[in-house]
Amino acid sequence: MSNTTTYKVTGMTCGHCVSAVTSEVSKIGGVSDVQVDLASGDVVVTSAAPLDTEDVRAAVDEAGYELAATTTT
């Protein structure tokens, strides 16, 4: 069973931003898919188990952006 969580990331303005966030979040253990919507700032992460929000926040920070909100679906 997989877990899907949508995170709101602020500060992304271009394709490079999308690539940076996708790359860093993909490095988190258990992550199987990352989809970034530049227009909305939504980052949809699919993982084997629920992720620690602080791990995601650290990855987004490493990419140079800010995690603003989280929604689990």
C-alpha atoms as a PDB file:
ATOM      1  CA  MET A   1       0.000   0.000   0.000  1.00  0.00           C
ATOM      2  CA  SER A   2       1.339   3.434  -0.845  1.00  0.00           C
ATOM      3  CA  ASN A   3       0.903   6.749   0.853  1.00  0.00           C
ATOM      4  CA  THR A   4       0.294   9.974  -1.096  1.00  0.00           C
ATOM      5  CA  THR A   5       0.886  13.384   0.462  1.00  0.00           C
ATOM      6  CA  THR A   6       0.596  16.809  -1.128  1.00  0.00           C
ATOM      7  CA  TYR A   7       2.966  19.508   0.060  1.00  0.00           C
ATOM      8  CA  LYS A   8       2.722  23.203  -0.785  1.00  0.00           C
ATOM      9  CA  VAL A   9       6.116  24.661  -1.672  1.00  0.00           C
ATOM     10  CA  THR A  10       6.719  28.381  -2.100  1.00  0.00           C
ATOM     11  CA  GLY A  11       9.394  30.168  -4.092  1.00  0.00           C
ATOM     12  CA  MET A  12       9.444  27.982  -7.212  1.00  0.00           C
ATOM     13  CA  THR A  13       9.419  30.030 -10.434  1.00  0.00           C
ATOM     14  CA  CYS A  14      10.848  27.871 -13.235  1.00  0.00           C
ATOM     15  CA  GLY A  15      11.650  24.423 -14.550  1.00  0.00           C
ATOM     16  CA  HIS A  16      14.971  24.387 -12.700  1.00  0.00           C
ATOM     17  CA  CYS A  17      13.044  24.902  -9.447  1.00  0.00           C
ATOM     18  CA  VAL A  18      10.867  21.890 -10.279  1.00  0.00           C
ATOM     19  CA  SER A  19      13.946  19.773 -11.021  1.00  0.00           C
ATOM     20  CA  ALA A  20      15.703  20.808  -7.812  1.00  0.00           C
ATOM     21  CA  VAL A  21      12.710  20.009  -5.588  1.00  0.00           C
ATOM     22  CA  THR A  22      12.023  16.727  -7.410  1.00  0.00           C
ATOM     23  CA  SER A  23      15.647  15.659  -7.049  1.00  0.00           C
ATOM     24  CA  GLU A  24      15.960  16.434  -3.337  1.00  0.00           C
ATOM     25  CA  VAL A  25      12.586  14.967  -2.305  1.00  0.00           C
ATOM     26  CA  SER A  26      13.274  11.820  -4.367  1.00  0.00           C
ATOM     27  CA  LYS A  27      16.326  11.155  -2.174  1.00  0.00           C
ATOM     28  CA  ILE A  28      14.146  10.545   0.904  1.00  0.00           C
ATOM     29  CA  GLY A  29      13.987   6.842   1.746  1.00  0.00           C
ATOM     30  CA  GLY A  30      10.757   5.150   0.682  1.00  0.00           C
ATOM     31  CA  VAL A  31       9.767   7.783  -1.897  1.00  0.00           C
ATOM     32  CA  SER A  32       8.591   6.156  -5.122  1.00  0.00           C
ATOM     33  CA  ASP A  33       7.282   9.175  -7.056  1.00  0.00           C
ATOM     34  CA  VAL A  34       7.411  12.982  -6.937  1.00  0.00           C
ATOM     35  CA  GLN A  35       5.174  15.189  -9.098  1.00  0.00           C
ATOM     36  CA  VAL A  36       5.640  18.967  -8.962  1.00  0.00           C
ATOM     37  CA  ASP A  37       3.059  21.441 -10.282  1.00  0.00           C
ATOM     38  CA  LEU A  38       4.902  24.726 -10.772  1.00  0.00           C
ATOM     39  CA  ALA A  39       1.745  26.815 -11.204  1.00  0.00           C
ATOM     40  CA  SER A  40       0.128  25.744  -7.920  1.00  0.00           C
ATOM     41  CA  GLY A  41       3.268  24.972  -5.927  1.00  0.00           C
ATOM     42  CA  ASP A  42       1.906  21.509  -5.157  1.00  0.00           C
ATOM     43  CA  VAL A  43       4.400  18.700  -4.682  1.00  0.00           C
ATOM     44  CA  VAL A  44       2.662  15.303  -4.653  1.00  0.00           C
ATOM     45  CA  VAL A  45       4.830  12.611  -3.069  1.00  0.00           C
ATOM     46  CA  THR A  46       4.064   8.902  -3.190  1.00  0.00           C
ATOM     47  CA  SER A  47       5.889   6.752  -0.662  1.00  0.00           C
ATOM     48  CA  ALA A  48       5.795   3.275   0.837  1.00  0.00           C
ATOM     49  CA  ALA A  49       4.901   4.676   4.271  1.00  0.00           C
ATOM     50  CA  PRO A  50       4.016   8.092   5.678  1.00  0.00           C
ATOM     51  CA  LEU A  51       6.997  10.440   5.593  1.00  0.00           C
ATOM     52  CA  ASP A  52       8.277  12.566   8.442  1.00  0.00           C
ATOM     53  CA  THR A  53       7.326  16.127   7.497  1.00  0.00           C
ATOM     54  CA  GLU A  54      10.663  17.351   8.841  1.00  0.00           C
ATOM     55  CA  ASP A  55      12.494  15.102   6.363  1.00  0.00           C
ATOM     56  CA  VAL A  56      10.482  16.625   3.524  1.00  0.00           C
ATOM     57  CA  ARG A  57      11.033  20.129   4.903  1.00  0.00           C
ATOM     58  CA  ALA A  58      14.804  19.503   5.024  1.00  0.00           C
ATOM     59  CA  ALA A  59      14.816  18.255   1.414  1.00  0.00           C
ATOM     60  CA  VAL A  60      12.817  21.257   0.191  1.00  0.00           C
ATOM     61  CA  ASP A  61      15.122  23.588   2.164  1.00  0.00           C
ATOM     62  CA  GLU A  62      18.155  21.889   0.601  1.00  0.00           C
ATOM     63  CA  ALA A  63      16.672  22.635  -2.824  1.00  0.00           C
ATOM     64  CA  GLY A  64      16.361  26.299  -1.803  1.00  0.00           C
ATOM     65  CA  TYR A  65      12.608  26.593  -1.244  1.00  0.00           C
ATOM     66  CA  GLU A  66      10.134  26.630   1.623  1.00  0.00           C
ATOM     67  CA  LEU A  67       7.587  24.022   2.681  1.00  0.00           C
ATOM     68  CA  ALA A  68       4.381  25.930   3.424  1.00  0.00           C
ATOM     69  CA  ALA A  69       1.733  23.245   4.064  1.00  0.00           C
ATOM     70  CA  THR A  70       0.986  19.509   4.022  1.00  0.00           C
ATOM     71  CA  THR A  71      -2.138  17.564   3.039  1.00  0.00           C
ATOM     72  CA  THR A  72      -2.324  13.775   3.321  1.00  0.00           C
ATOM     73  CA  THR A  73      -4.723  11.980   0.981  1.00  0.00           C
END
